[in-house]
C-alpha atoms as a PDB file:
ATOM      1  CA  MET A   1      11.521  15.149   5.624  1.00  0.00           C
ATOM      2  CA  TYR A   2      12.582  11.614   4.983  1.00  0.00           C
ATOM      3  CA  ASN A   3      10.318   8.726   4.124  1.00  0.00           C
ATOM      4  CA  ILE A   4      10.591   5.863   6.551  1.00  0.00           C
ATOM      5  CA  ASP A   5       9.093   3.204   4.293  1.00  0.00           C
ATOM      6  CA  ASP A   6       9.923  -0.021   2.460  1.00  0.00           C
ATOM      7  CA  SER A   7      12.572   1.736   0.369  1.00  0.00           C
ATOM      8  CA  PHE A   8      14.207   2.900   3.607  1.00  0.00           C
ATOM      9  CA  LEU A   9      14.328  -0.725   4.782  1.00  0.00           C
ATOM     10  CA  GLU A  10      15.933  -1.735   1.476  1.00  0.00           C
ATOM     11  CA  SER A  11      18.524   1.029   1.814  1.00  0.00           C
ATOM     12  CA  VAL A  12      19.630  -0.163   5.269  1.00  0.00           C
ATOM     13  CA  GLY A  13      19.739  -3.838   4.298  1.00  0.00           C
ATOM     14  CA  LEU A  14      16.440  -4.871   5.885  1.00  0.00           C
ATOM     15  CA  GLY A  15      14.431  -5.515   2.751  1.00  0.00           C
ATOM     16  CA  GLY A  16      14.224  -9.156   3.814  1.00  0.00           C
ATOM     17  CA  LEU A  17      12.519  -8.371   7.104  1.00  0.00           C
ATOM     18  CA  PRO A  18       9.364 -10.510   7.418  1.00  0.00           C
ATOM     19  CA  ALA A  19       6.244  -8.641   6.312  1.00  0.00           C
ATOM     20  CA  GLU A  20       4.594  -8.997   9.722  1.00  0.00           C
ATOM     21  CA  GLN A  21       7.517  -7.166  11.338  1.00  0.00           C
ATOM     22  CA  LYS A  22       8.023  -4.397   8.791  1.00  0.00           C
ATOM     23  CA  GLY A  23       5.256  -2.152  10.085  1.00  0.00           C
ATOM     24  CA  GLY A  24       6.485  -2.269  13.655  1.00  0.00           C
ATOM     25  CA  PHE A  25      10.078  -1.660  12.650  1.00  0.00           C
ATOM     26  CA  LEU A  26       9.130   1.247  10.389  1.00  0.00           C
ATOM     27  CA  GLN A  27       7.171   2.807  13.260  1.00  0.00           C
ATOM     28  CA  TYR A  28      10.146   2.294  15.586  1.00  0.00           C
ATOM     29  CA  ALA A  29      12.496   4.007  13.131  1.00  0.00           C
ATOM     30  CA  GLN A  30      10.038   6.901  12.656  1.00  0.00           C
ATOM     31  CA  ASP A  31       9.678   7.302  16.420  1.00  0.00           C
ATOM     32  CA  GLN A  32      13.453   7.299  16.862  1.00  0.00           C
ATOM     33  CA  LEU A  33      13.839   9.947  14.180  1.00  0.00           C
ATOM     34  CA  GLU A  34      11.252  12.183  15.827  1.00  0.00           C
ATOM     35  CA  ILE A  35      12.784  11.727  19.291  1.00  0.00           C
ATOM     36  CA  ARG A  36      16.270  12.573  18.078  1.00  0.00           C
ATOM     37  CA  ILE A  37      15.099  15.613  16.152  1.00  0.00           C
ATOM     38  CA  GLY A  38      13.160  16.819  19.172  1.00  0.00           C
ATOM     39  CA  GLU A  39      16.110  16.353  21.513  1.00  0.00           C
ATOM     40  CA  LYS A  40      18.523  18.175  19.230  1.00  0.00           C
ATOM     41  CA  MET A  41      16.062  20.993  18.625  1.00  0.00           C
ATOM     42  CA  SER A  42      15.412  21.441  22.326  1.00  0.00           C
ATOM     43  CA  ASN A  43      19.130  21.889  22.954  1.00  0.00           C
ATOM     44  CA  ASN A  44      19.055  25.013  20.782  1.00  0.00           C
ATOM     45  CA  LEU A  45      15.809  26.600  22.010  1.00  0.00           C
ATOM     46  CA  SER A  46      14.715  28.456  25.108  1.00  0.00           C
ATOM     47  CA  GLU A  47      11.883  27.203  27.309  1.00  0.00           C
ATOM     48  CA  ALA A  48       9.636  29.961  25.928  1.00  0.00           C
ATOM     49  CA  GLN A  49      10.415  28.913  22.355  1.00  0.00           C
ATOM     50  CA  LEU A  50       9.709  25.261  23.164  1.00  0.00           C
ATOM     51  CA  ASN A  51       6.369  26.210  24.734  1.00  0.00           C
ATOM     52  CA  GLU A  52       5.392  28.288  21.711  1.00  0.00           C
ATOM     53  CA  PHE A  53       6.376  25.519  19.301  1.00  0.00           C
ATOM     54  CA  GLU A  54       4.369  23.002  21.301  1.00  0.00           C
ATOM     55  CA  LYS A  55       1.326  25.278  21.041  1.00  0.00           C
ATOM     56  CA  ILE A  56       1.757  25.445  17.271  1.00  0.00           C
ATOM     57  CA  ILE A  57       2.116  21.669  17.003  1.00  0.00           C
ATOM     58  CA  ASP A  58      -0.977  21.258  19.202  1.00  0.00           C
ATOM     59  CA  ASN A  59      -2.911  23.567  16.814  1.00  0.00           C
ATOM     60  CA  ASP A  60      -3.457  26.333  19.370  1.00  0.00           C
ATOM     61  CA  GLN A  61      -5.409  28.752  17.180  1.00  0.00           C
ATOM     62  CA  GLU A  62      -4.486  31.840  19.186  1.00  0.00           C
ATOM     63  CA  THR A  63      -0.767  31.172  18.669  1.00  0.00           C
ATOM     64  CA  ILE A  64      -1.253  30.220  15.009  1.00  0.00           C
ATOM     65  CA  ASN A  65      -3.352  33.301  14.300  1.00  0.00           C
ATOM     66  CA  ARG A  66      -0.760  35.538  15.981  1.00  0.00           C
ATOM     67  CA  TRP A  67       1.914  34.069  13.726  1.00  0.00           C
ATOM     68  CA  LEU A  68      -0.259  34.472  10.664  1.00  0.00           C
ATOM     69  CA  GLY A  69      -0.820  38.109  11.562  1.00  0.00           C
ATOM     70  CA  ASP A  70       2.923  38.653  11.983  1.00  0.00           C
ATOM     71  CA  LEU A  71       3.577  37.011   8.614  1.00  0.00           C
ATOM     72  CA  GLY A  72       1.303  39.401   6.726  1.00  0.00           C
ATOM     73  CA  ASP A  73      -0.034  38.243   3.359  1.00  0.00           C
ATOM     74  CA  TYR A  74       0.957  34.635   3.945  1.00  0.00           C
ATOM     75  CA  ARG A  75      -1.270  33.269   1.164  1.00  0.00           C
ATOM     76  CA  ASN A  76       1.155  34.731  -1.373  1.00  0.00           C
ATOM     77  CA  HIS A  77       4.212  33.288   0.336  1.00  0.00           C
ATOM     78  CA  GLU A  78       6.062  30.760  -1.833  1.00  0.00           C
ATOM     79  CA  VAL A  79       6.153  28.081   0.893  1.00  0.00           C
ATOM     80  CA  TYR A  80       2.419  28.445   1.549  1.00  0.00           C
ATOM     81  CA  ARG A  81       1.618  28.149  -2.162  1.00  0.00           C
ATOM     82  CA  LYS A  82       3.745  25.006  -2.448  1.00  0.00           C
ATOM     83  CA  LEU A  83       2.023  23.456   0.565  1.00  0.00           C
ATOM     84  CA  VAL A  84      -1.397  24.262  -0.925  1.00  0.00           C
ATOM     85  CA  GLU A  85      -0.377  22.762  -4.252  1.00  0.00           C
ATOM     86  CA  THR A  86       0.962  19.592  -2.636  1.00  0.00           C
ATOM     87  CA  ALA A  87      -2.174  19.195  -0.508  1.00  0.00           C
ATOM     88  CA  GLY A  88      -4.523  19.934  -3.400  1.00  0.00           C
ATOM     89  CA  GLY A  89      -6.037  23.009  -1.804  1.00  0.00           C
ATOM     90  CA  GLU A  90      -6.180  25.217   1.244  1.00  0.00           C
ATOM     91  CA  SER A  91      -7.048  23.696   4.592  1.00  0.00           C
ATOM     92  CA  PRO A  92      -6.402  24.317   8.284  1.00  0.00           C
ATOM     93  CA  GLU A  93      -3.707  21.625   8.140  1.00  0.00           C
ATOM     94  CA  VAL A  94      -1.891  23.442   5.330  1.00  0.00           C
ATOM     95  CA  THR A  95      -2.040  26.700   7.270  1.00  0.00           C
ATOM     96  CA  ASN A  96      -0.715  24.998  10.398  1.00  0.00           C
ATOM     97  CA  ASP A  97       2.083  23.350   8.406  1.00  0.00           C
ATOM     98  CA  PHE A  98       2.986  26.750   6.999  1.00  0.00           C
ATOM     99  CA  VAL A  99       3.109  28.340  10.455  1.00  0.00           C
ATOM    100  CA  THR A 100       5.240  25.434  11.676  1.00  0.00           C
ATOM    101  CA  ALA A 101       7.659  25.952   8.778  1.00  0.00           C
ATOM    102  CA  ALA A 102       7.754  29.720   9.377  1.00  0.00           C
ATOM    103  CA  TRP A 103       8.375  29.208  13.083  1.00  0.00           C
ATOM    104  CA  LEU A 104      11.192  26.748  12.422  1.00  0.00           C
ATOM    105  CA  GLY A 105      12.736  29.060   9.842  1.00  0.00           C
ATOM    106  CA  LYS A 106      12.889  31.867  12.378  1.00  0.00           C
ATOM    107  CA  ASN A 107      13.665  29.986  15.594  1.00  0.00           C
ATOM    108  CA  CYS A 108      15.568  26.912  14.427  1.00  0.00           C
ATOM    109  CA  PRO A 109      17.193  27.663  11.067  1.00  0.00           C
ATOM    110  CA  GLN A 110      19.415  24.582  11.441  1.00  0.00           C
ATOM    111  CA  TYR A 111      16.314  22.346  11.459  1.00  0.00           C
ATOM    112  CA  GLN A 112      17.087  20.666   8.130  1.00  0.00           C
ATOM    113  CA  GLN A 113      20.632  19.897   9.266  1.00  0.00           C
ATOM    114  CA  ILE A 114      19.237  18.400  12.472  1.00  0.00           C
ATOM    115  CA  ILE A 115      16.926  16.188  10.391  1.00  0.00           C
ATOM    116  CA  ASP A 116      19.766  15.136   8.084  1.00  0.00           C
ATOM    117  CA  ASP A 117      22.120  14.353  10.980  1.00  0.00           C
ATOM    118  CA  SER A 118      19.465  12.395  12.868  1.00  0.00           C
ATOM    119  CA  MET A 119      18.527  10.380   9.799  1.00  0.00           C
ATOM    120  CA  ASN A 120      22.165   9.600   9.048  1.00  0.00           C
ATOM    121  CA  GLU A 121      22.657   8.389  12.632  1.00  0.00           C
ATOM    122  CA  ILE A 122      19.649   6.083  12.424  1.00  0.00           C
ATOM    123  CA  ARG A 123      20.728   4.734   9.023  1.00  0.00           C
ATOM    124  CA  ALA A 124      24.243   4.014  10.317  1.00  0.00           C
ATOM    125  CA  GLU A 125      22.995   2.300  13.480  1.00  0.00           C
ATOM    126  CA  ILE A 126      20.492   0.110  11.659  1.00  0.00           C
ATOM    127  CA  THR A 127      22.966  -0.762   8.911  1.00  0.00           C
ATOM    128  CA  ALA A 128      25.603  -1.724  11.496  1.00  0.00           C
ATOM    129  CA  ASN A 129      23.096  -3.977  13.270  1.00  0.00           C
ATOM    130  CA  LYS A 130      21.127  -5.336  10.306  1.00  0.00           C
ATOM    131  CA  ASP A 131      22.428  -8.893  10.630  1.00  0.00           C
ATOM    132  CA  GLN A 132      21.395  -9.060  14.277  1.00  0.00           C
ATOM    133  CA  ILE A 133      18.005  -7.494  13.513  1.00  0.00           C
ATOM    134  CA  LEU A 134      17.353 -10.033  10.749  1.00  0.00           C
ATOM    135  CA  ALA A 135      18.542 -12.921  12.930  1.00  0.00           C
ATOM    136  CA  ASN A 136      16.069 -11.953  15.653  1.00  0.00           C
ATOM    137  CA  ALA A 137      13.198 -11.446  13.207  1.00  0.00           C
END
């Protein structure tokens, strides 16, 4: 995933945005990224897949446990181990993140490309409009 932070603002020419407006703009950019990713993903998934993914995102334990059962010895999976290492230990959040990643890998293998494309669109739009954004700040 991409970091929508102060370095992002610098990269699109908005490093000079007033401090009191940075937080709101960063949240706007993050929201736009999530909306675009969601829209593009939904174009490639069935209604049943979207419902299942929503259950995983909403931490529906029955759905998560079913996925964990299907995945077998998930604690030895490379992705799970990396998530545990990054988080500093096992937790329900790590397990849910792992199931989310496993689900996306199976049902939406183009997920990373969708993220990259969406981020590039947002960068291009903001960069093209940076002067106007700064003028209205």
